[in-house]
Amino acid sequence: MPDAPDDPEALDPTGDPTGLRPRVPSPLCPVADGRFARRGVRLLLKRDDLIHPELIGNKWRKLAPNLRAAAGRTLLTFGGAYSNHLRATAAAGRLLGLPTIGVVRGDELAHRPLNPSLTRCAADGMRLHFVDRSTYRRKAEPRTLAEILCAADARDAYVVPEGGSNALAVHGCQALGAELRGHADVVAVACGTGGTLAGLAAGLADGQRALGVPVLKGGFLDADVRALQDSAFGGRRGTWSLDDRFHFGGYARTAPELDFFAEDFEQRHGLPVERLYVAKMLYGLVALTEEGAFAPGTTVAAVVTGAPLV
């Protein structure tokens, strides 16, 4: 996997190395919501979902520097059956004429009809390679990775990790923090693999802090974010924390309470709310506000990292 560049500034993660014309910086929109206002808290939405119609939000920010580093080589990456990252990588491959391979968790899926998410990946030209769950868990081990590359006939592929989170991706997401300097006291983002939070926190100014809302249970993300920052910067950067209470049972899981909340937010603000990441983050912000976690006068920015699947 790629290392961080010797001179991170030379990467220019805010630029467009691919010609895909992203909308950056993404819009920052104030939202009038009584649940925040009555606590003296101001809410902003950082509309990263508007960056690109197919490489949405943090997917663009994490993939762009890796696309540059791949330099036209086949991209191989990893994900589950409903992975937004796989979909974004497949879309990038189609738009750029770049071969892509998706290593999918669960070899039992190879003998079933593809779900809509994997169908989209295949339609975009991604070659799907299914592996058993034990192998998938060990995919970061050099020997296992080499075996996967061999089995997928992809020995020379450029490898992007699950969720797109590596040192280059962290530098790409650092631009998100830089775009928010001077605009908010707290910046919240939903977390899967931790790369967006690692970069976001590093890009914020002194006095700002990043809040990560994990969408998976397990409490492992603190160590993962630290490791990503170590890889990208040589140590911890910025002020950040995690609140593990709002995963609703784990990745790809929701609950009637969360669906009701998301539908209500959509009706209040006319914003389609993605359920697996964004809804959990927004739910957490409302809960924290009602708990008094934010002092009156605080401005909170919520990063909208994705849009509902269509």
Foldseek 3Di string as FASTA:
>chain_A
DDFQDPDLVVLVLQDAPQPQQFDPPADKAWDDDPLQVVQQETEIERQQQRGHVQCGFLSSLLVRSVVVVQVQFEEEEEDELQDSNLRSVLQSCLVRVHAYEYEYEAPVCVPPDRDPRVVSSVVSHYHYHYDYNVLVVVCVPVVSVCVVCVVVVNNPHRYQYVPSAALSSLSSLLVVLLVCEPPFQEEEWEDEQQSNQLNNQQNHDPNHEYEYEYLADDPPNVVRSQVRNCRNPVGGHHHYDYDDPQNCHGAPDDDPVLVVQQVVVCVSGVAAAARRIRSSRVVVVSVCSVVVVDHNPGYYYYYRRHHHDD
